[in-house]
Amino acid sequence: MSHDDFNAIWLSLHLASVTTVILLILGTPLAWWLARSSSKLAAAVEAVVALPLVLPPTVLGFYLLVAFSPDSAFAKFWMVTTGDSLSFSFDALVIASVIYSLPFVVQPLQSSFAQVSEGLLEAAKTMGADFIDRFFSVVFPLCKRSFLAAATLGFAHTIGEFGVVLMIGGNIPGETQVLSIALYDRVESLNYPAAHTMAAGLLVFSFLALLLVYGLNRRGLWRNA
């Protein structure tokens, strides 16, 4: 494998790791609210979160490209705040990845949170536990498999992104060229040996990620039986 190939692997792992951490931080309270809220807005928020599941990646990528363009208010705010340009940058890939992989983290957590007994939370509350204490002493132990599944799905989905990252990141080796873009680049240049290696690696990784998720789901079903 070439130096560019290793750079693409490292960049993909870095992007997926950063994205997964952000998704867990943002997705956990959002999933809790969606699971426990009776607000009329919940259905609309849930639909917005799930949009990446049905929206063509190029559509999302196009609107993000417009939002990240140097003339946009958001890009100007980003430049003033960070001193860096947002378009065709690693930061842009992170923001896009968080949006695009959001449902893969929120939905497993939301489903798990909805099954947490209100009685257990009330019992912990009567014992003087505040919300943070109740969450980490009651909710997290009950939902830890869902957290692992959500993190795995978010990480794997970010690794496999193509359309969105190509639209907003381009194909800059060492900066925005992640594995999926590098694979496309190798095929375009007729470098099939390198393409086969990347494709096989992504295939094995995807299978192992799904095997872990489905294995966790089955363990949960058996324990609840």
C-alpha atoms as a PDB file:
ATOM      1  CA  MET A   1       0.000   0.000   0.000  1.00  0.00           C
ATOM      2  CA  SER A   2       1.172   3.510  -0.805  1.00  0.00           C
ATOM      3  CA  HIS A   3       1.693   6.439   1.562  1.00  0.00           C
ATOM      4  CA  ASP A   4      -1.556   8.002   0.290  1.00  0.00           C
ATOM      5  CA  ASP A   5      -3.419   4.767   1.095  1.00  0.00           C
ATOM      6  CA  PHE A   6      -2.207   4.813   4.693  1.00  0.00           C
ATOM      7  CA  ASN A   7      -3.117   8.500   4.928  1.00  0.00           C
ATOM      8  CA  ALA A   8      -6.639   7.681   3.741  1.00  0.00           C
ATOM      9  CA  ILE A   9      -6.961   4.932   6.357  1.00  0.00           C
ATOM     10  CA  TRP A  10      -5.715   7.197   9.152  1.00  0.00           C
ATOM     11  CA  LEU A  11      -7.937  10.084   8.068  1.00  0.00           C
ATOM     12  CA  SER A  12     -10.987   7.792   7.923  1.00  0.00           C
ATOM     13  CA  LEU A  13     -10.317   6.394  11.400  1.00  0.00           C
ATOM     14  CA  HIS A  14      -9.697   9.895  12.776  1.00  0.00           C
ATOM     15  CA  LEU A  15     -12.889  11.242  11.187  1.00  0.00           C
ATOM     16  CA  ALA A  16     -14.976   8.292  12.406  1.00  0.00           C
ATOM     17  CA  SER A  17     -13.581   8.537  15.945  1.00  0.00           C
ATOM     18  CA  VAL A  18     -14.178  12.285  16.290  1.00  0.00           C
ATOM     19  CA  THR A  19     -17.634  11.984  14.725  1.00  0.00           C
ATOM     20  CA  THR A  20     -18.654   9.106  16.998  1.00  0.00           C
ATOM     21  CA  VAL A  21     -17.634  10.968  20.159  1.00  0.00           C
ATOM     22  CA  ILE A  22     -19.587  14.062  19.077  1.00  0.00           C
ATOM     23  CA  LEU A  23     -22.585  11.942  18.091  1.00  0.00           C
ATOM     24  CA  LEU A  24     -22.704  10.244  21.498  1.00  0.00           C
ATOM     25  CA  ILE A  25     -22.454  13.599  23.285  1.00  0.00           C
ATOM     26  CA  LEU A  26     -25.170  15.240  21.174  1.00  0.00           C
ATOM     27  CA  GLY A  27     -27.246  12.174  20.373  1.00  0.00           C
ATOM     28  CA  THR A  28     -27.724  10.889  23.919  1.00  0.00           C
ATOM     29  CA  PRO A  29     -29.792  13.833  25.278  1.00  0.00           C
ATOM     30  CA  LEU A  30     -31.621  14.097  21.951  1.00  0.00           C
ATOM     31  CA  ALA A  31     -32.500  10.396  22.004  1.00  0.00           C
ATOM     32  CA  TRP A  32     -33.638  10.683  25.629  1.00  0.00           C
ATOM     33  CA  TRP A  33     -35.902  13.619  24.813  1.00  0.00           C
ATOM     34  CA  LEU A  34     -37.397  11.838  21.807  1.00  0.00           C
ATOM     35  CA  ALA A  35     -37.989   8.682  23.840  1.00  0.00           C
ATOM     36  CA  ARG A  36     -39.604  10.374  26.846  1.00  0.00           C
ATOM     37  CA  SER A  37     -41.176  13.556  25.460  1.00  0.00           C
ATOM     38  CA  SER A  38     -44.878  14.000  24.788  1.00  0.00           C
ATOM     39  CA  SER A  39     -44.307  17.251  22.884  1.00  0.00           C
ATOM     40  CA  LYS A  40     -46.061  17.715  19.555  1.00  0.00           C
ATOM     41  CA  LEU A  41     -42.680  18.741  18.123  1.00  0.00           C
ATOM     42  CA  ALA A  42     -41.154  15.336  18.839  1.00  0.00           C
ATOM     43  CA  ALA A  43     -42.459  13.776  15.610  1.00  0.00           C
ATOM     44  CA  ALA A  44     -41.056  16.643  13.519  1.00  0.00           C
ATOM     45  CA  VAL A  45     -37.664  16.464  15.249  1.00  0.00           C
ATOM     46  CA  GLU A  46     -37.631  12.698  14.812  1.00  0.00           C
ATOM     47  CA  ALA A  47     -38.311  13.131  11.087  1.00  0.00           C
ATOM     48  CA  VAL A  48     -35.491  15.670  10.747  1.00  0.00           C
ATOM     49  CA  VAL A  49     -33.060  13.333  12.545  1.00  0.00           C
ATOM     50  CA  ALA A  50     -34.053  10.443  10.253  1.00  0.00           C
ATOM     51  CA  LEU A  51     -33.778  12.465   7.016  1.00  0.00           C
ATOM     52  CA  PRO A  52     -30.274  11.142   6.141  1.00  0.00           C
ATOM     53  CA  LEU A  53     -31.737   7.630   5.992  1.00  0.00           C
ATOM     54  CA  VAL A  54     -33.837   8.497   2.922  1.00  0.00           C
ATOM     55  CA  LEU A  55     -32.279  11.696   1.564  1.00  0.00           C
ATOM     56  CA  PRO A  56     -29.759  11.169  -1.277  1.00  0.00           C
ATOM     57  CA  PRO A  57     -26.279  11.960   0.091  1.00  0.00           C
ATOM     58  CA  THR A  58     -25.614  14.343  -2.787  1.00  0.00           C
ATOM     59  CA  VAL A  59     -28.632  16.450  -1.795  1.00  0.00           C
ATOM     60  CA  LEU A  60     -27.364  16.813   1.751  1.00  0.00           C
ATOM     61  CA  GLY A  61     -23.852  17.382   0.430  1.00  0.00           C
ATOM     62  CA  PHE A  62     -25.055  20.108  -1.929  1.00  0.00           C
ATOM     63  CA  TYR A  63     -26.815  22.105   0.784  1.00  0.00           C
ATOM     64  CA  LEU A  64     -23.864  21.695   3.122  1.00  0.00           C
ATOM     65  CA  LEU A  65     -21.565  22.856   0.321  1.00  0.00           C
ATOM     66  CA  VAL A  66     -23.697  25.992  -0.017  1.00  0.00           C
ATOM     67  CA  ALA A  67     -23.678  26.496   3.766  1.00  0.00           C
ATOM     68  CA  PHE A  68     -19.891  26.063   3.902  1.00  0.00           C
ATOM     69  CA  SER A  69     -19.108  28.371   0.979  1.00  0.00           C
ATOM     70  CA  PRO A  70     -16.910  31.374   1.898  1.00  0.00           C
ATOM     71  CA  ASP A  71     -19.762  33.835   1.246  1.00  0.00           C
ATOM     72  CA  SER A  72     -22.225  32.165   3.608  1.00  0.00           C
ATOM     73  CA  ALA A  73     -22.968  33.592   7.056  1.00  0.00           C
ATOM     74  CA  PHE A  74     -22.070  30.300   8.728  1.00  0.00           C
ATOM     75  CA  ALA A  75     -18.680  30.078   6.989  1.00  0.00           C
ATOM     76  CA  LYS A  76     -17.905  33.705   7.886  1.00  0.00           C
ATOM     77  CA  PHE A  77     -18.830  33.027  11.513  1.00  0.00           C
ATOM     78  CA  TRP A  78     -16.611  29.941  11.461  1.00  0.00           C
ATOM     79  CA  MET A  79     -13.705  31.945  10.024  1.00  0.00           C
ATOM     80  CA  VAL A  80     -14.059  34.660  12.671  1.00  0.00           C
ATOM     81  CA  THR A  81     -14.388  32.095  15.481  1.00  0.00           C
ATOM     82  CA  THR A  82     -11.665  29.617  14.476  1.00  0.00           C
ATOM     83  CA  GLY A  83      -9.524  31.532  11.981  1.00  0.00           C
ATOM     84  CA  ASP A  84      -9.815  28.654   9.482  1.00  0.00           C
ATOM     85  CA  SER A  85     -11.725  28.246   6.245  1.00  0.00           C
ATOM     86  CA  LEU A  86     -14.533  25.681   6.439  1.00  0.00           C
ATOM     87  CA  SER A  87     -14.933  24.613   2.812  1.00  0.00           C
ATOM     88  CA  PHE A  88     -12.941  21.549   1.715  1.00  0.00           C
ATOM     89  CA  SER A  89     -11.523  20.988   5.196  1.00  0.00           C
ATOM     90  CA  PHE A  90     -11.465  18.248   7.817  1.00  0.00           C
ATOM     91  CA  ASP A  91     -13.777  20.333  10.024  1.00  0.00           C
ATOM     92  CA  ALA A  92     -16.348  20.360   7.235  1.00  0.00           C
ATOM     93  CA  LEU A  93     -16.114  16.565   7.013  1.00  0.00           C
ATOM     94  CA  VAL A  94     -16.752  16.278  10.758  1.00  0.00           C
ATOM     95  CA  ILE A  95     -19.831  18.521  10.663  1.00  0.00           C
ATOM     96  CA  ALA A  96     -21.251  16.702   7.647  1.00  0.00           C
ATOM     97  CA  SER A  97     -20.518  13.296   9.170  1.00  0.00           C
ATOM     98  CA  VAL A  98     -22.277  14.211  12.408  1.00  0.00           C
ATOM     99  CA  ILE A  99     -25.396  15.224  10.483  1.00  0.00           C
ATOM    100  CA  TYR A 100     -25.281  12.260   8.106  1.00  0.00           C
ATOM    101  CA  SER A 101     -24.680   9.598  10.795  1.00  0.00           C
ATOM    102  CA  LEU A 102     -26.970  11.115  13.450  1.00  0.00           C
ATOM    103  CA  PRO A 103     -29.890   8.666  13.012  1.00  0.00           C
ATOM    104  CA  PHE A 104     -27.559   5.670  13.334  1.00  0.00           C
ATOM    105  CA  VAL A 105     -26.740   6.766  16.881  1.00  0.00           C
ATOM    106  CA  VAL A 106     -29.999   8.383  17.973  1.00  0.00           C
ATOM    107  CA  GLN A 107     -32.398   5.637  16.890  1.00  0.00           C
ATOM    108  CA  PRO A 108     -30.801   2.709  18.801  1.00  0.00           C
ATOM    109  CA  LEU A 109     -30.522   4.873  21.916  1.00  0.00           C
ATOM    110  CA  GLN A 110     -34.061   6.182  21.567  1.00  0.00           C
ATOM    111  CA  SER A 111     -35.445   2.657  21.276  1.00  0.00           C
ATOM    112  CA  SER A 112     -33.507   1.539  24.335  1.00  0.00           C
ATOM    113  CA  PHE A 113     -34.413   4.589  26.430  1.00  0.00           C
ATOM    114  CA  ALA A 114     -38.103   4.051  25.678  1.00  0.00           C
ATOM    115  CA  GLN A 115     -37.921   0.653  27.396  1.00  0.00           C
ATOM    116  CA  VAL A 116     -36.492   1.978  30.667  1.00  0.00           C
ATOM    117  CA  SER A 117     -39.094   1.594  33.387  1.00  0.00           C
ATOM    118  CA  GLU A 118     -40.410   4.845  34.787  1.00  0.00           C
ATOM    119  CA  GLY A 119     -40.843   3.047  38.103  1.00  0.00           C
ATOM    120  CA  LEU A 120     -37.103   2.458  38.408  1.00  0.00           C
ATOM    121  CA  LEU A 121     -36.396   6.132  37.776  1.00  0.00           C
ATOM    122  CA  GLU A 122     -39.002   7.208  40.309  1.00  0.00           C
ATOM    123  CA  ALA A 123     -37.572   4.809  42.888  1.00  0.00           C
ATOM    124  CA  ALA A 124     -34.096   6.254  42.374  1.00  0.00           C
ATOM    125  CA  LYS A 125     -35.534   9.767  42.611  1.00  0.00           C
ATOM    126  CA  THR A 126     -37.214   9.036  45.945  1.00  0.00           C
ATOM    127  CA  MET A 127     -33.810   7.893  47.221  1.00  0.00           C
ATOM    128  CA  GLY A 128     -32.415  11.359  46.526  1.00  0.00           C
ATOM    129  CA  ALA A 129     -30.704  10.714  43.200  1.00  0.00           C
ATOM    130  CA  ASP A 130     -30.704  13.681  40.824  1.00  0.00           C
ATOM    131  CA  PHE A 131     -31.156  13.248  37.069  1.00  0.00           C
ATOM    132  CA  ILE A 132     -27.442  12.784  36.300  1.00  0.00           C
ATOM    133  CA  ASP A 133     -27.110  10.210  39.059  1.00  0.00           C
ATOM    134  CA  ARG A 134     -30.249   8.386  37.882  1.00  0.00           C
ATOM    135  CA  PHE A 135     -28.956   8.331  34.328  1.00  0.00           C
ATOM    136  CA  PHE A 136     -25.558   6.836  35.155  1.00  0.00           C
ATOM    137  CA  SER A 137     -26.752   4.499  37.930  1.00  0.00           C
ATOM    138  CA  VAL A 138     -29.982   3.262  36.320  1.00  0.00           C
ATOM    139  CA  VAL A 139     -30.286   4.139  32.632  1.00  0.00           C
ATOM    140  CA  PHE A 140     -26.725   3.574  31.447  1.00  0.00           C
ATOM    141  CA  PRO A 141     -26.326   0.052  32.929  1.00  0.00           C
ATOM    142  CA  LEU A 142     -29.645  -0.986  31.361  1.00  0.00           C
ATOM    143  CA  CYS A 143     -28.765   0.531  27.978  1.00  0.00           C
ATOM    144  CA  LYS A 144     -25.019  -0.102  27.743  1.00  0.00           C
ATOM    145  CA  ARG A 145     -25.425  -2.572  24.839  1.00  0.00           C
ATOM    146  CA  SER A 146     -27.389   0.048  22.933  1.00  0.00           C
ATOM    147  CA  PHE A 147     -24.636   2.587  23.539  1.00  0.00           C
ATOM    148  CA  LEU A 148     -22.076   0.148  22.145  1.00  0.00           C
ATOM    149  CA  ALA A 149     -24.323  -0.652  19.173  1.00  0.00           C
ATOM    150  CA  ALA A 150     -24.951   3.054  18.506  1.00  0.00           C
ATOM    151  CA  ALA A 151     -21.241   3.859  18.669  1.00  0.00           C
ATOM    152  CA  THR A 152     -20.431   0.949  16.344  1.00  0.00           C
ATOM    153  CA  LEU A 153     -23.075   1.958  13.799  1.00  0.00           C
ATOM    154  CA  GLY A 154     -22.062   5.620  13.901  1.00  0.00           C
ATOM    155  CA  PHE A 155     -18.386   4.745  13.480  1.00  0.00           C
ATOM    156  CA  ALA A 156     -19.002   2.234  10.660  1.00  0.00           C
ATOM    157  CA  HIS A 157     -21.402   4.518   8.813  1.00  0.00           C
ATOM    158  CA  THR A 158     -18.895   7.360   8.920  1.00  0.00           C
ATOM    159  CA  ILE A 159     -16.166   5.080   7.557  1.00  0.00           C
ATOM    160  CA  GLY A 160     -18.404   4.187   4.604  1.00  0.00           C
ATOM    161  CA  GLU A 161     -19.502   7.710   3.658  1.00  0.00           C
ATOM    162  CA  PHE A 162     -18.946   8.738   0.055  1.00  0.00           C
ATOM    163  CA  GLY A 163     -21.406  11.165  -1.515  1.00  0.00           C
ATOM    164  CA  VAL A 164     -21.485  13.718   1.291  1.00  0.00           C
ATOM    165  CA  VAL A 165     -17.736  13.785   1.912  1.00  0.00           C
ATOM    166  CA  LEU A 166     -16.980  14.010  -1.809  1.00  0.00           C
ATOM    167  CA  MET A 167     -19.321  16.975  -2.223  1.00  0.00           C
ATOM    168  CA  ILE A 168     -17.946  19.027   0.658  1.00  0.00           C
ATOM    169  CA  GLY A 169     -14.405  17.713   1.022  1.00  0.00           C
ATOM    170  CA  GLY A 170     -13.334  16.963  -2.500  1.00  0.00           C
ATOM    171  CA  ASN A 171     -10.412  14.611  -3.008  1.00  0.00           C
ATOM    172  CA  ILE A 172      -7.366  16.142  -1.307  1.00  0.00           C
ATOM    173  CA  PRO A 173      -4.841  13.459  -0.241  1.00  0.00           C
ATOM    174  CA  GLY A 174      -3.900  13.775   3.415  1.00  0.00           C
ATOM    175  CA  GLU A 175      -6.634  16.341   4.112  1.00  0.00           C
ATOM    176  CA  THR A 176     -10.048  15.165   2.893  1.00  0.00           C
ATOM    177  CA  GLN A 177      -9.366  11.934   0.985  1.00  0.00           C
ATOM    178  CA  VAL A 178     -10.972   9.283   3.171  1.00  0.00           C
ATOM    179  CA  LEU A 179     -11.061   5.566   2.299  1.00  0.00           C
ATOM    180  CA  SER A 180     -14.239   5.637   0.214  1.00  0.00           C
ATOM    181  CA  ILE A 181     -12.885   8.531  -1.865  1.00  0.00           C
ATOM    182  CA  ALA A 182      -9.481   6.859  -2.174  1.00  0.00           C
ATOM    183  CA  LEU A 183     -11.180   3.696  -3.453  1.00  0.00           C
ATOM    184  CA  TYR A 184     -13.041   5.704  -6.082  1.00  0.00           C
ATOM    185  CA  ASP A 185      -9.781   7.426  -7.027  1.00  0.00           C
ATOM    186  CA  ARG A 186      -7.964   4.090  -7.448  1.00  0.00           C
ATOM    187  CA  VAL A 187     -10.722   2.742  -9.683  1.00  0.00           C
ATOM    188  CA  GLU A 188     -10.656   5.901 -11.806  1.00  0.00           C
ATOM    189  CA  SER A 189      -6.891   5.517 -12.258  1.00  0.00           C
ATOM    190  CA  LEU A 190      -7.351   1.789 -13.101  1.00  0.00           C
ATOM    191  CA  ASN A 191      -5.282   0.762 -10.071  1.00  0.00           C
ATOM    192  CA  TYR A 192      -7.394  -2.325  -9.425  1.00  0.00           C
ATOM    193  CA  PRO A 193      -4.993  -4.137  -7.037  1.00  0.00           C
ATOM    194  CA  ALA A 194      -5.151  -1.205  -4.598  1.00  0.00           C
ATOM    195  CA  ALA A 195      -8.911  -0.888  -5.170  1.00  0.00           C
ATOM    196  CA  HIS A 196      -9.405  -4.599  -4.399  1.00  0.00           C
ATOM    197  CA  THR A 197      -7.427  -4.256  -1.159  1.00  0.00           C
ATOM    198  CA  MET A 198      -9.444  -1.240  -0.001  1.00  0.00           C
ATOM    199  CA  ALA A 199     -12.784  -2.726  -1.028  1.00  0.00           C
ATOM    200  CA  ALA A 200     -12.049  -6.042   0.691  1.00  0.00           C
ATOM    201  CA  GLY A 201     -10.957  -4.245   3.859  1.00  0.00           C
ATOM    202  CA  LEU A 202     -14.128  -2.153   3.931  1.00  0.00           C
ATOM    203  CA  LEU A 203     -16.252  -5.243   3.275  1.00  0.00           C
ATOM    204  CA  VAL A 204     -14.687  -7.175   6.161  1.00  0.00           C
ATOM    205  CA  PHE A 205     -14.911  -4.163   8.478  1.00  0.00           C
ATOM    206  CA  SER A 206     -18.597  -3.604   7.628  1.00  0.00           C
ATOM    207  CA  PHE A 207     -19.427  -7.270   8.214  1.00  0.00           C
ATOM    208  CA  LEU A 208     -17.651  -7.347  11.584  1.00  0.00           C
ATOM    209  CA  ALA A 209     -19.379  -4.124  12.671  1.00  0.00           C
ATOM    210  CA  LEU A 210     -22.807  -5.533  11.813  1.00  0.00           C
ATOM    211  CA  LEU A 211     -21.918  -8.864  13.428  1.00  0.00           C
ATOM    212  CA  LEU A 212     -21.144  -7.019  16.658  1.00  0.00           C
ATOM    213  CA  VAL A 213     -24.396  -5.034  16.523  1.00  0.00           C
ATOM    214  CA  TYR A 214     -26.607  -8.048  15.783  1.00  0.00           C
ATOM    215  CA  GLY A 215     -24.741 -10.108  18.366  1.00  0.00           C
ATOM    216  CA  LEU A 216     -25.455  -7.460  21.001  1.00  0.00           C
ATOM    217  CA  ASN A 217     -29.128  -7.377  19.977  1.00  0.00           C
ATOM    218  CA  ARG A 218     -29.452 -11.155  20.257  1.00  0.00           C
ATOM    219  CA  ARG A 219     -27.788 -11.208  23.675  1.00  0.00           C
ATOM    220  CA  GLY A 220     -30.268  -8.597  24.814  1.00  0.00           C
ATOM    221  CA  LEU A 221     -33.196 -10.638  23.495  1.00  0.00           C
ATOM    222  CA  TRP A 222     -31.974 -13.821  25.175  1.00  0.00           C
ATOM    223  CA  ARG A 223     -31.519 -12.080  28.530  1.00  0.00           C
ATOM    224  CA  ASN A 224     -35.002 -10.557  28.327  1.00  0.00           C
ATOM    225  CA  ALA A 225     -36.609 -13.876  27.399  1.00  0.00           C
END
